[in-house]
Each structure stands twice: as structure tokens, then as C-alpha cells.
Amino acid sequence: MGAQTAEKRSHTVAEEVAWARELSLGGLFIALGIVFPIAFHAFGGGKLGAVLLPMYLPVLVCGMLVSPPIAAAVGLLTPLLSSALTGMPPVMPVLPLMVAELATMGAVASLLHRRLRLHVVPATILTLLGGRVVMGVVVLLAVSLLPPDLSAAIPESMRQPMPYVLAATLTAVPGLILQLIAVPSVVAAVERRWRGEPRTAA
């Protein structure tokens, strides 16, 4: 009985340590998700964000390393805090798109890599594809469901969801390639560092 109690207490402590580490990682990657776009915009004159997708990298890496709820929270909070603190992304019409897209991508990345143990490369590809699908769905809902006074704020380029997503994807090809190279590299480096430690609870 005493051994079972000690084992249960040890398991609880391990879970608390894992949860604390995930929260710390989440906070770190939110901070990186705010700082990276500032740096990219500073060097690119405000034009590199849509091309290189600097906010995606911290969210995707975090998603591969933490549990789905924290990954989704990081994807949700990063664009919200970035918009509030720096004005990037702008509240309308980009912020709702990025909140939905990044929250979904964080959760999907975590589910694929952490829960299903899918290799980081196909997990990254599927997550990026999922993000594009979410972008199209959100644009479609915005065009279809928003009242006229709000839908008037939607740019003409967004009024046709499929062409908009295609154009945004073509613009972001360098950024998507960057994610495919950088995310697996960073995740592999972190996981090598963690190798030999107990894996955090999924």
C-alpha cells in the first residue's frame, strides 16, 4: 500500500513538472511569436510577414513539443497579443484569420506529432495544409455570415475565398518552405536534448 501511494505521489509530481515545463515553453514561444514578426518587419519594411510567415514558426514548433490544449492556446494568444502590443496583425481583416488558423495549426501539430507519433516532417506538411483549409473556411464564413456593415470592411480580394487562399499561398511559398526546413530541424534538436528524459504527458 505504501509503495502504491509513493508511486502515485511520484506520478503526480512528474505530471506537475511536465505541466510546468509545457507552460514555460508556451510562454517562451508566445514571446518568440511576437518578437519574430517585429524583426522581419523591421528588415523587410513591413512586407515580409505575408511572405515568410514569421509567426508560424514558433507556433508550429511549440505545437510539436507540447500537449494540444497548450499548443492551441499558444496559437490563439500569439496573434492576439502581437496585435495588441505591436499592431501586427491588424485587427481587421487579418487578425480573425490568424487566430483561427494558428490555434488550429498548434492543436493539429500537437495531435499529429505528440499524440499520434507522426514524424515531424509529414506532421508539418499536414499542419500547414490544415491551416490553409481553415483560412478558406474562415474567409467563407466571414463573407457569408457577417452583417453588411461589418462585411464592408472585408477587402475585395477576400470576397472570393478560393482565389484569396490560392493567392495568399502563392505569396507565402518562401515562408512555407522555411517552415518545412526550420520546424523539423528545431524540433529534432529539442527532442535530442530531451532524449533520455521522461517524455512529458500528452
N, C-alpha and C. Protein backbone atom coordinates (compact mmCIF):
# COMPACT_ATOMS: atom_id res chain seq x y z
N MET A 1 0.83 -1.20 0.00
CA MET A 1 0.00 0.00 0.00
C MET A 1 0.87 1.25 0.00
N GLY A 2 1.91 1.22 0.87
CA GLY A 2 2.81 2.36 0.94
C GLY A 2 3.54 2.57 -0.37
N ALA A 3 3.94 1.45 -1.04
CA ALA A 3 4.64 1.56 -2.33
C ALA A 3 3.72 2.16 -3.38
N GLN A 4 2.44 1.75 -3.37
CA GLN A 4 1.48 2.30 -4.33
C GLN A 4 1.26 3.79 -4.11
N THR A 5 1.18 4.18 -2.84
CA THR A 5 0.99 5.60 -2.53
C THR A 5 2.19 6.42 -2.99
N ALA A 6 3.40 5.90 -2.75
CA ALA A 6 4.62 6.61 -3.17
C ALA A 6 4.69 6.72 -4.69
N GLU A 7 4.29 5.62 -5.36
CA GLU A 7 4.31 5.64 -6.82
C GLU A 7 3.31 6.64 -7.37
N LYS A 8 2.12 6.70 -6.73
CA LYS A 8 1.10 7.64 -7.17
C LYS A 8 1.57 9.08 -6.94
N ARG A 9 2.21 9.31 -5.77
CA ARG A 9 2.71 10.66 -5.47
C ARG A 9 3.80 11.04 -6.47
N SER A 10 4.67 10.08 -6.79
CA SER A 10 5.75 10.34 -7.76
C SER A 10 5.18 10.66 -9.13
N HIS A 11 4.12 9.92 -9.52
CA HIS A 11 3.48 10.15 -10.81
C HIS A 11 2.86 11.54 -10.85
N THR A 12 2.23 11.94 -9.74
CA THR A 12 1.61 13.25 -9.67
C THR A 12 2.65 14.36 -9.78
N VAL A 13 3.77 14.20 -9.08
CA VAL A 13 4.84 15.19 -9.16
C VAL A 13 5.39 15.28 -10.58
N ALA A 14 5.57 14.12 -11.22
CA ALA A 14 6.06 14.11 -12.60
C ALA A 14 5.10 14.85 -13.53
N GLU A 15 3.81 14.66 -13.33
CA GLU A 15 2.82 15.35 -14.16
C GLU A 15 2.86 16.85 -13.93
N GLU A 16 3.04 17.25 -12.66
CA GLU A 16 3.12 18.67 -12.36
C GLU A 16 4.36 19.31 -12.98
N VAL A 17 5.47 18.59 -12.93
CA VAL A 17 6.70 19.09 -13.55
C VAL A 17 6.53 19.21 -15.06
N ALA A 18 5.90 18.19 -15.66
CA ALA A 18 5.65 18.23 -17.11
C ALA A 18 4.74 19.38 -17.48
N TRP A 19 3.70 19.60 -16.69
CA TRP A 19 2.76 20.70 -16.95
C TRP A 19 3.47 22.04 -16.83
N ALA A 20 4.32 22.18 -15.81
CA ALA A 20 5.05 23.43 -15.63
C ALA A 20 6.00 23.68 -16.79
N ARG A 21 6.65 22.62 -17.27
CA ARG A 21 7.56 22.78 -18.40
C ARG A 21 6.79 23.18 -19.65
N GLU A 22 5.63 22.59 -19.87
CA GLU A 22 4.84 22.94 -21.04
C GLU A 22 4.35 24.39 -20.97
N LEU A 23 3.94 24.82 -19.78
CA LEU A 23 3.52 26.22 -19.63
C LEU A 23 4.69 27.17 -19.91
N SER A 24 5.87 26.80 -19.42
CA SER A 24 7.05 27.63 -19.66
C SER A 24 7.37 27.69 -21.15
N LEU A 25 7.30 26.53 -21.81
CA LEU A 25 7.54 26.51 -23.25
C LEU A 25 6.49 27.34 -23.99
N GLY A 26 5.25 27.22 -23.55
CA GLY A 26 4.20 28.01 -24.19
C GLY A 26 4.47 29.50 -24.08
N GLY A 27 4.85 29.95 -22.89
CA GLY A 27 5.16 31.37 -22.71
C GLY A 27 6.34 31.80 -23.55
N LEU A 28 7.37 30.96 -23.63
CA LEU A 28 8.54 31.28 -24.44
C LEU A 28 8.17 31.43 -25.91
N PHE A 29 7.37 30.50 -26.42
CA PHE A 29 7.05 30.54 -27.85
C PHE A 29 6.05 31.66 -28.18
N ILE A 30 5.20 32.03 -27.24
CA ILE A 30 4.37 33.21 -27.46
C ILE A 30 5.25 34.44 -27.60
N ALA A 31 6.24 34.57 -26.71
CA ALA A 31 7.16 35.71 -26.79
C ALA A 31 7.90 35.71 -28.13
N LEU A 32 8.38 34.55 -28.56
CA LEU A 32 9.06 34.47 -29.85
C LEU A 32 8.12 34.81 -31.00
N GLY A 33 6.86 34.41 -30.87
CA GLY A 33 5.88 34.71 -31.90
C GLY A 33 5.57 36.20 -32.01
N ILE A 34 5.86 36.95 -30.96
CA ILE A 34 5.69 38.41 -31.00
C ILE A 34 6.96 39.07 -31.52
N VAL A 35 8.12 38.56 -31.10
CA VAL A 35 9.40 39.18 -31.47
C VAL A 35 9.77 38.91 -32.93
N PHE A 36 9.56 37.70 -33.41
CA PHE A 36 9.95 37.36 -34.77
C PHE A 36 9.32 38.28 -35.81
N PRO A 37 8.01 38.50 -35.79
CA PRO A 37 7.42 39.41 -36.79
C PRO A 37 7.99 40.83 -36.71
N ILE A 38 8.29 41.31 -35.49
CA ILE A 38 8.88 42.64 -35.36
C ILE A 38 10.21 42.69 -36.12
N ALA A 39 11.04 41.67 -35.93
CA ALA A 39 12.34 41.64 -36.60
C ALA A 39 12.18 41.54 -38.11
N PHE A 40 11.27 40.68 -38.57
CA PHE A 40 11.08 40.51 -40.00
C PHE A 40 10.55 41.79 -40.63
N HIS A 41 9.60 42.45 -39.97
CA HIS A 41 9.05 43.69 -40.50
C HIS A 41 10.10 44.80 -40.49
N ALA A 42 10.97 44.81 -39.48
CA ALA A 42 12.00 45.84 -39.41
C ALA A 42 12.95 45.74 -40.59
N PHE A 43 13.31 44.50 -40.96
CA PHE A 43 14.24 44.33 -42.07
C PHE A 43 13.55 44.36 -43.43
N GLY A 44 12.28 44.02 -43.45
CA GLY A 44 11.59 43.92 -44.74
C GLY A 44 10.65 45.06 -45.04
N GLY A 45 10.68 46.10 -44.23
CA GLY A 45 9.82 47.24 -44.50
C GLY A 45 8.35 46.93 -44.39
N GLY A 46 7.99 45.94 -43.55
CA GLY A 46 6.59 45.61 -43.36
C GLY A 46 6.00 44.69 -44.40
N LYS A 47 6.84 44.20 -45.34
CA LYS A 47 6.30 43.39 -46.44
C LYS A 47 6.64 41.91 -46.34
N LEU A 48 7.47 41.55 -45.37
CA LEU A 48 7.93 40.17 -45.31
C LEU A 48 7.01 39.25 -44.54
N GLY A 49 6.09 39.81 -43.76
CA GLY A 49 5.23 38.96 -42.94
C GLY A 49 4.42 37.97 -43.74
N ALA A 50 3.75 38.44 -44.79
CA ALA A 50 2.91 37.56 -45.60
C ALA A 50 3.73 36.61 -46.45
N VAL A 51 5.02 36.92 -46.63
CA VAL A 51 5.88 36.09 -47.48
C VAL A 51 6.58 35.01 -46.66
N LEU A 52 7.12 35.36 -45.50
CA LEU A 52 7.93 34.42 -44.72
C LEU A 52 7.22 33.84 -43.50
N LEU A 53 6.05 34.35 -43.17
CA LEU A 53 5.21 33.78 -42.10
C LEU A 53 5.98 33.60 -40.79
N PRO A 54 6.58 34.67 -40.26
CA PRO A 54 7.43 34.50 -39.07
C PRO A 54 6.68 34.04 -37.83
N MET A 55 5.37 34.31 -37.74
CA MET A 55 4.63 33.89 -36.56
C MET A 55 4.32 32.40 -36.57
N TYR A 56 4.37 31.80 -37.75
CA TYR A 56 4.06 30.38 -37.85
C TYR A 56 5.11 29.52 -37.14
N LEU A 57 6.38 29.91 -37.29
CA LEU A 57 7.47 29.05 -36.81
C LEU A 57 7.38 28.76 -35.32
N PRO A 58 7.25 29.77 -34.43
CA PRO A 58 7.14 29.44 -33.00
C PRO A 58 5.90 28.61 -32.67
N VAL A 59 4.79 28.91 -33.34
CA VAL A 59 3.55 28.18 -33.05
C VAL A 59 3.68 26.72 -33.47
N LEU A 60 4.25 26.48 -34.65
CA LEU A 60 4.39 25.10 -35.12
C LEU A 60 5.38 24.31 -34.27
N VAL A 61 6.51 24.91 -33.96
CA VAL A 61 7.49 24.20 -33.13
C VAL A 61 6.89 23.89 -31.76
N CYS A 62 6.22 24.88 -31.17
CA CYS A 62 5.60 24.66 -29.88
C CYS A 62 4.56 23.54 -29.95
N GLY A 63 3.77 23.54 -31.02
CA GLY A 63 2.75 22.51 -31.18
C GLY A 63 3.33 21.11 -31.20
N MET A 64 4.53 20.97 -31.78
CA MET A 64 5.15 19.65 -31.85
C MET A 64 5.68 19.19 -30.49
N LEU A 65 5.85 20.13 -29.56
CA LEU A 65 6.53 19.82 -28.30
C LEU A 65 5.61 19.77 -27.08
N VAL A 66 4.42 20.34 -27.17
CA VAL A 66 3.55 20.42 -26.00
C VAL A 66 2.21 19.74 -26.30
N SER A 67 1.38 19.64 -25.28
CA SER A 67 0.07 18.98 -25.41
C SER A 67 -0.89 19.86 -26.21
N PRO A 68 -1.93 19.25 -26.80
CA PRO A 68 -2.85 20.02 -27.67
C PRO A 68 -3.49 21.24 -27.02
N PRO A 69 -3.95 21.20 -25.76
CA PRO A 69 -4.56 22.42 -25.21
C PRO A 69 -3.60 23.59 -25.13
N ILE A 70 -2.37 23.33 -24.70
CA ILE A 70 -1.39 24.41 -24.62
C ILE A 70 -0.99 24.86 -26.01
N ALA A 71 -0.84 23.93 -26.94
CA ALA A 71 -0.50 24.29 -28.32
C ALA A 71 -1.58 25.19 -28.93
N ALA A 72 -2.84 24.83 -28.72
CA ALA A 72 -3.94 25.65 -29.24
C ALA A 72 -3.94 27.02 -28.58
N ALA A 73 -3.67 27.07 -27.27
CA ALA A 73 -3.64 28.35 -26.56
C ALA A 73 -2.53 29.24 -27.08
N VAL A 74 -1.36 28.65 -27.38
CA VAL A 74 -0.26 29.43 -27.93
C VAL A 74 -0.65 29.99 -29.30
N GLY A 75 -1.27 29.16 -30.14
CA GLY A 75 -1.71 29.64 -31.44
C GLY A 75 -2.77 30.71 -31.34
N LEU A 76 -3.60 30.64 -30.32
CA LEU A 76 -4.66 31.64 -30.11
C LEU A 76 -4.09 32.95 -29.58
N LEU A 77 -3.24 32.85 -28.56
CA LEU A 77 -2.77 34.04 -27.86
C LEU A 77 -1.69 34.81 -28.63
N THR A 78 -0.88 34.10 -29.40
CA THR A 78 0.24 34.78 -30.07
C THR A 78 -0.23 35.90 -30.99
N PRO A 79 -1.15 35.67 -31.93
CA PRO A 79 -1.58 36.79 -32.77
C PRO A 79 -2.37 37.84 -32.00
N LEU A 80 -3.15 37.42 -31.00
CA LEU A 80 -3.91 38.40 -30.22
C LEU A 80 -2.98 39.36 -29.47
N LEU A 81 -1.98 38.81 -28.78
CA LEU A 81 -1.05 39.65 -28.04
C LEU A 81 -0.18 40.47 -28.98
N SER A 82 0.24 39.87 -30.08
CA SER A 82 1.05 40.61 -31.04
C SER A 82 0.27 41.80 -31.61
N SER A 83 -0.99 41.57 -31.93
CA SER A 83 -1.82 42.66 -32.46
C SER A 83 -2.01 43.75 -31.42
N ALA A 84 -2.25 43.35 -30.17
CA ALA A 84 -2.47 44.34 -29.11
C ALA A 84 -1.21 45.14 -28.80
N LEU A 85 -0.04 44.48 -28.86
CA LEU A 85 1.21 45.14 -28.47
C LEU A 85 1.89 45.87 -29.61
N THR A 86 1.77 45.34 -30.82
CA THR A 86 2.53 45.89 -31.94
C THR A 86 1.67 46.35 -33.11
N GLY A 87 0.39 46.01 -33.09
CA GLY A 87 -0.46 46.34 -34.24
C GLY A 87 -0.34 45.36 -35.38
N MET A 88 0.42 44.28 -35.19
CA MET A 88 0.59 43.25 -36.21
C MET A 88 0.14 41.90 -35.64
N PRO A 89 -0.79 41.22 -36.28
CA PRO A 89 -1.50 41.62 -37.49
C PRO A 89 -2.60 42.65 -37.19
N PRO A 90 -3.03 43.41 -38.21
CA PRO A 90 -4.11 44.37 -37.99
C PRO A 90 -5.40 43.66 -37.59
N VAL A 91 -6.20 44.33 -36.77
CA VAL A 91 -7.42 43.71 -36.24
C VAL A 91 -8.34 43.26 -37.36
N MET A 92 -8.56 44.11 -38.33
CA MET A 92 -9.41 43.74 -39.46
C MET A 92 -8.63 43.97 -40.74
N PRO A 93 -8.69 42.99 -41.63
CA PRO A 93 -9.42 41.72 -41.55
C PRO A 93 -8.53 40.54 -41.18
N VAL A 94 -7.25 40.80 -40.86
CA VAL A 94 -6.29 39.70 -40.78
C VAL A 94 -6.34 38.95 -39.45
N LEU A 95 -6.55 39.66 -38.34
CA LEU A 95 -6.44 39.02 -37.02
C LEU A 95 -7.37 37.82 -36.85
N PRO A 96 -8.67 37.92 -37.17
CA PRO A 96 -9.53 36.73 -37.01
C PRO A 96 -9.02 35.51 -37.80
N LEU A 97 -8.50 35.78 -39.01
CA LEU A 97 -7.95 34.68 -39.81
C LEU A 97 -6.79 34.01 -39.11
N MET A 98 -5.87 34.83 -38.60
CA MET A 98 -4.66 34.27 -37.99
C MET A 98 -4.97 33.58 -36.67
N VAL A 99 -5.90 34.11 -35.90
CA VAL A 99 -6.28 33.46 -34.65
C VAL A 99 -6.82 32.06 -34.92
N ALA A 100 -7.76 31.97 -35.86
CA ALA A 100 -8.35 30.66 -36.19
C ALA A 100 -7.31 29.72 -36.77
N GLU A 101 -6.51 30.24 -37.68
CA GLU A 101 -5.53 29.41 -38.37
C GLU A 101 -4.45 28.91 -37.42
N LEU A 102 -3.86 29.81 -36.62
CA LEU A 102 -2.76 29.41 -35.76
C LEU A 102 -3.22 28.54 -34.58
N ALA A 103 -4.40 28.83 -34.03
CA ALA A 103 -4.91 27.97 -32.96
C ALA A 103 -5.14 26.55 -33.47
N THR A 104 -5.71 26.45 -34.67
CA THR A 104 -5.94 25.13 -35.26
C THR A 104 -4.62 24.44 -35.57
N MET A 105 -3.67 25.18 -36.14
CA MET A 105 -2.39 24.58 -36.50
C MET A 105 -1.63 24.10 -35.29
N GLY A 106 -1.67 24.87 -34.20
CA GLY A 106 -1.00 24.42 -32.99
C GLY A 106 -1.58 23.12 -32.49
N ALA A 107 -2.90 23.04 -32.43
CA ALA A 107 -3.56 21.82 -31.95
C ALA A 107 -3.30 20.64 -32.88
N VAL A 108 -3.38 20.87 -34.19
CA VAL A 108 -3.16 19.78 -35.16
C VAL A 108 -1.72 19.27 -35.09
N ALA A 109 -0.76 20.20 -35.00
CA ALA A 109 0.64 19.79 -34.90
C ALA A 109 0.85 18.91 -33.68
N SER A 110 0.26 19.30 -32.56
CA SER A 110 0.41 18.52 -31.33
C SER A 110 -0.25 17.15 -31.45
N LEU A 111 -1.44 17.12 -32.00
CA LEU A 111 -2.15 15.85 -32.15
C LEU A 111 -1.38 14.89 -33.05
N LEU A 112 -0.85 15.43 -34.15
CA LEU A 112 -0.16 14.56 -35.11
C LEU A 112 1.17 14.06 -34.56
N HIS A 113 1.95 14.96 -33.97
CA HIS A 113 3.29 14.58 -33.56
C HIS A 113 3.34 14.03 -32.14
N ARG A 114 2.66 14.68 -31.22
CA ARG A 114 2.70 14.25 -29.82
C ARG A 114 1.81 13.05 -29.56
N ARG A 115 0.58 13.12 -30.05
CA ARG A 115 -0.38 12.05 -29.74
C ARG A 115 -0.24 10.86 -30.67
N LEU A 116 -0.16 11.13 -31.98
CA LEU A 116 -0.14 10.04 -32.96
C LEU A 116 1.28 9.60 -33.32
N ARG A 117 2.29 10.33 -32.79
CA ARG A 117 3.69 9.99 -33.02
C ARG A 117 4.06 10.02 -34.50
N LEU A 118 3.40 10.86 -35.27
CA LEU A 118 3.75 11.02 -36.68
C LEU A 118 5.07 11.78 -36.77
N HIS A 119 5.92 11.38 -37.70
CA HIS A 119 7.20 12.05 -37.87
C HIS A 119 6.98 13.54 -38.13
N VAL A 120 7.93 14.34 -37.67
CA VAL A 120 7.74 15.79 -37.69
C VAL A 120 7.58 16.35 -39.10
N VAL A 121 8.21 15.74 -40.11
CA VAL A 121 8.11 16.29 -41.46
C VAL A 121 6.70 16.15 -42.02
N PRO A 122 6.12 14.92 -42.09
CA PRO A 122 4.73 14.84 -42.56
C PRO A 122 3.76 15.58 -41.64
N ALA A 123 4.05 15.62 -40.34
CA ALA A 123 3.18 16.37 -39.43
C ALA A 123 3.18 17.85 -39.78
N THR A 124 4.34 18.38 -40.13
CA THR A 124 4.42 19.79 -40.53
C THR A 124 3.67 20.03 -41.82
N ILE A 125 3.83 19.15 -42.80
CA ILE A 125 3.13 19.31 -44.08
C ILE A 125 1.62 19.29 -43.87
N LEU A 126 1.12 18.31 -43.13
CA LEU A 126 -0.32 18.20 -42.90
C LEU A 126 -0.84 19.39 -42.11
N THR A 127 -0.05 19.87 -41.16
CA THR A 127 -0.48 21.01 -40.36
C THR A 127 -0.59 22.27 -41.23
N LEU A 128 0.38 22.48 -42.11
CA LEU A 128 0.33 23.63 -43.00
C LEU A 128 -0.87 23.55 -43.94
N LEU A 129 -1.14 22.35 -44.45
CA LEU A 129 -2.31 22.18 -45.31
C LEU A 129 -3.59 22.46 -44.53
N GLY A 130 -3.65 21.97 -43.28
CA GLY A 130 -4.82 22.24 -42.45
C GLY A 130 -5.02 23.73 -42.21
N GLY A 131 -3.91 24.45 -42.03
CA GLY A 131 -4.01 25.89 -41.84
C GLY A 131 -4.61 26.59 -43.04
N ARG A 132 -4.24 26.16 -44.23
CA ARG A 132 -4.81 26.76 -45.45
C ARG A 132 -6.32 26.47 -45.54
N VAL A 133 -6.71 25.26 -45.15
CA VAL A 133 -8.14 24.92 -45.18
C VAL A 133 -8.91 25.81 -44.20
N VAL A 134 -8.36 25.98 -43.01
CA VAL A 134 -9.03 26.84 -42.01
C VAL A 134 -9.13 28.27 -42.53
N MET A 135 -8.07 28.76 -43.15
CA MET A 135 -8.12 30.10 -43.72
C MET A 135 -9.28 30.24 -44.69
N GLY A 136 -9.44 29.26 -45.59
CA GLY A 136 -10.53 29.32 -46.56
C GLY A 136 -11.89 29.27 -45.90
N VAL A 137 -12.03 28.42 -44.87
CA VAL A 137 -13.33 28.31 -44.19
C VAL A 137 -13.68 29.61 -43.48
N VAL A 138 -12.70 30.21 -42.81
CA VAL A 138 -12.97 31.47 -42.09
C VAL A 138 -13.34 32.58 -43.05
N VAL A 139 -12.63 32.67 -44.17
CA VAL A 139 -12.98 33.70 -45.17
C VAL A 139 -14.38 33.46 -45.70
N LEU A 140 -14.71 32.20 -46.00
CA LEU A 140 -16.05 31.88 -46.50
C LEU A 140 -17.12 32.27 -45.49
N LEU A 141 -16.89 31.94 -44.21
CA LEU A 141 -17.87 32.30 -43.18
C LEU A 141 -17.99 33.81 -43.03
N ALA A 142 -16.87 34.51 -43.11
CA ALA A 142 -16.91 35.96 -42.98
C ALA A 142 -17.71 36.58 -44.11
N VAL A 143 -17.49 36.12 -45.32
CA VAL A 143 -18.20 36.66 -46.48
C VAL A 143 -19.68 36.32 -46.42
N SER A 144 -19.99 35.12 -45.92
CA SER A 144 -21.37 34.64 -45.96
C SER A 144 -22.22 35.12 -44.79
N LEU A 145 -21.61 35.24 -43.61
CA LEU A 145 -22.40 35.41 -42.40
C LEU A 145 -22.33 36.79 -41.76
N LEU A 146 -21.30 37.55 -42.05
CA LEU A 146 -21.19 38.86 -41.41
C LEU A 146 -22.28 39.81 -41.89
N PRO A 147 -22.82 40.65 -41.01
CA PRO A 147 -23.78 41.66 -41.44
C PRO A 147 -23.13 42.66 -42.39
N PRO A 148 -23.91 43.33 -43.19
CA PRO A 148 -23.35 44.22 -44.23
C PRO A 148 -22.39 45.27 -43.71
N ASP A 149 -22.68 45.85 -42.53
CA ASP A 149 -21.80 46.91 -42.03
C ASP A 149 -20.41 46.40 -41.67
N LEU A 150 -20.32 45.11 -41.25
CA LEU A 150 -19.02 44.53 -40.95
C LEU A 150 -18.36 43.95 -42.20
N SER A 151 -19.15 43.34 -43.05
CA SER A 151 -18.57 42.75 -44.27
C SER A 151 -18.01 43.82 -45.19
N ALA A 152 -18.45 45.06 -45.02
CA ALA A 152 -17.90 46.14 -45.84
C ALA A 152 -16.42 46.36 -45.57
N ALA A 153 -15.96 45.93 -44.38
CA ALA A 153 -14.54 46.08 -44.05
C ALA A 153 -13.67 45.01 -44.70
N ILE A 154 -14.29 43.99 -45.29
CA ILE A 154 -13.53 42.93 -45.94
C ILE A 154 -13.02 43.42 -47.28
N PRO A 155 -11.73 43.34 -47.53
CA PRO A 155 -11.20 43.78 -48.83
C PRO A 155 -11.80 42.99 -49.99
N GLU A 156 -11.82 43.61 -51.13
CA GLU A 156 -12.37 42.95 -52.32
C GLU A 156 -11.66 41.64 -52.61
N SER A 157 -10.34 41.60 -52.34
CA SER A 157 -9.56 40.39 -52.63
C SER A 157 -9.99 39.19 -51.80
N MET A 158 -10.70 39.44 -50.67
CA MET A 158 -11.12 38.34 -49.80
C MET A 158 -12.56 37.89 -50.06
N ARG A 159 -13.22 38.52 -50.96
CA ARG A 159 -14.64 38.21 -51.16
C ARG A 159 -14.85 36.90 -51.92
N GLN A 160 -13.80 36.36 -52.49
CA GLN A 160 -13.86 35.04 -53.13
C GLN A 160 -12.83 34.15 -52.42
N PRO A 161 -13.29 33.29 -51.53
CA PRO A 161 -12.37 32.56 -50.65
C PRO A 161 -11.30 31.74 -51.36
N MET A 162 -11.67 30.97 -52.37
CA MET A 162 -10.69 30.10 -53.02
C MET A 162 -9.58 30.89 -53.70
N PRO A 163 -9.91 31.90 -54.53
CA PRO A 163 -8.84 32.70 -55.12
C PRO A 163 -7.98 33.40 -54.07
N TYR A 164 -8.61 33.83 -52.97
CA TYR A 164 -7.85 34.51 -51.93
C TYR A 164 -6.84 33.56 -51.29
N VAL A 165 -7.29 32.35 -50.93
CA VAL A 165 -6.38 31.38 -50.30
C VAL A 165 -5.27 31.00 -51.27
N LEU A 166 -5.61 30.82 -52.54
CA LEU A 166 -4.59 30.47 -53.54
C LEU A 166 -3.56 31.59 -53.66
N ALA A 167 -4.03 32.84 -53.74
CA ALA A 167 -3.10 33.96 -53.85
C ALA A 167 -2.23 34.09 -52.60
N ALA A 168 -2.85 33.92 -51.41
CA ALA A 168 -2.09 34.00 -50.15
C ALA A 168 -1.06 32.89 -50.08
N THR A 169 -1.40 31.70 -50.57
CA THR A 169 -0.48 30.57 -50.53
C THR A 169 0.69 30.78 -51.48
N LEU A 170 0.40 31.29 -52.68
CA LEU A 170 1.48 31.56 -53.64
C LEU A 170 2.44 32.62 -53.09
N THR A 171 1.87 33.64 -52.45
CA THR A 171 2.71 34.68 -51.84
C THR A 171 3.60 34.10 -50.75
N ALA A 172 3.05 33.13 -50.02
CA ALA A 172 3.74 32.59 -48.84
C ALA A 172 4.60 31.38 -49.15
N VAL A 173 4.81 31.04 -50.42
CA VAL A 173 5.63 29.86 -50.74
C VAL A 173 7.00 29.90 -50.07
N PRO A 174 7.73 31.03 -50.08
CA PRO A 174 9.02 31.03 -49.36
C PRO A 174 8.86 30.73 -47.87
N GLY A 175 7.81 31.28 -47.26
CA GLY A 175 7.58 31.03 -45.85
C GLY A 175 7.20 29.60 -45.57
N LEU A 176 6.40 29.00 -46.44
CA LEU A 176 6.01 27.61 -46.26
C LEU A 176 7.23 26.69 -46.38
N ILE A 177 8.11 27.01 -47.34
CA ILE A 177 9.34 26.24 -47.47
C ILE A 177 10.21 26.41 -46.22
N LEU A 178 10.26 27.65 -45.72
CA LEU A 178 11.02 27.91 -44.49
C LEU A 178 10.50 27.05 -43.34
N GLN A 179 9.17 26.95 -43.21
CA GLN A 179 8.61 26.14 -42.12
C GLN A 179 8.99 24.67 -42.29
N LEU A 180 8.95 24.18 -43.53
CA LEU A 180 9.27 22.78 -43.79
C LEU A 180 10.72 22.45 -43.47
N ILE A 181 11.60 23.45 -43.56
CA ILE A 181 13.01 23.22 -43.24
C ILE A 181 13.27 23.46 -41.76
N ALA A 182 12.75 24.59 -41.25
CA ALA A 182 13.13 25.02 -39.90
C ALA A 182 12.41 24.23 -38.81
N VAL A 183 11.11 23.96 -38.98
CA VAL A 183 10.35 23.29 -37.92
C VAL A 183 10.92 21.91 -37.60
N PRO A 184 11.12 21.03 -38.59
CA PRO A 184 11.70 19.73 -38.25
C PRO A 184 13.09 19.84 -37.64
N SER A 185 13.89 20.80 -38.11
CA SER A 185 15.24 20.95 -37.58
C SER A 185 15.22 21.36 -36.11
N VAL A 186 14.38 22.35 -35.78
CA VAL A 186 14.32 22.83 -34.40
C VAL A 186 13.73 21.76 -33.48
N VAL A 187 12.65 21.12 -33.94
CA VAL A 187 12.01 20.09 -33.12
C VAL A 187 12.97 18.93 -32.88
N ALA A 188 13.68 18.50 -33.93
CA ALA A 188 14.64 17.40 -33.77
C ALA A 188 15.73 17.77 -32.77
N ALA A 189 16.21 19.02 -32.83
CA ALA A 189 17.26 19.45 -31.90
C ALA A 189 16.75 19.44 -30.46
N VAL A 190 15.54 19.92 -30.24
CA VAL A 190 14.98 19.94 -28.89
C VAL A 190 14.75 18.52 -28.39
N GLU A 191 14.21 17.67 -29.24
CA GLU A 191 13.93 16.30 -28.81
C GLU A 191 15.21 15.51 -28.55
N ARG A 192 16.27 15.82 -29.30
CA ARG A 192 17.56 15.18 -29.00
C ARG A 192 18.04 15.60 -27.61
N ARG A 193 17.81 16.87 -27.28
CA ARG A 193 18.22 17.36 -25.96
C ARG A 193 17.42 16.68 -24.87
N TRP A 194 16.14 16.41 -25.17
CA TRP A 194 15.28 15.77 -24.18
C TRP A 194 15.47 14.26 -24.10
N ARG A 195 16.14 13.69 -25.10
CA ARG A 195 16.25 12.24 -25.14
C ARG A 195 16.89 11.70 -23.86
N GLY A 196 16.29 10.68 -23.34
CA GLY A 196 16.77 10.13 -22.09
C GLY A 196 15.99 10.66 -20.89
N GLU A 197 15.27 11.81 -21.10
CA GLU A 197 14.39 12.31 -20.03
C GLU A 197 13.02 11.68 -20.22
N PRO A 198 12.20 11.58 -19.16
CA PRO A 198 10.82 11.12 -19.33
C PRO A 198 10.07 12.07 -20.23
N ARG A 199 9.36 11.54 -21.19
CA ARG A 199 8.59 12.36 -22.10
C ARG A 199 7.42 12.99 -21.37
N THR A 200 7.12 14.27 -21.67
CA THR A 200 6.00 14.94 -21.00
C THR A 200 4.69 14.28 -21.35
N ALA A 201 3.75 14.35 -20.43
CA ALA A 201 2.45 13.71 -20.65
C ALA A 201 1.74 14.35 -21.80
N ALA A 202 1.19 13.58 -22.70
CA ALA A 202 0.42 14.09 -23.83
C ALA A 202 -1.00 14.26 -23.40
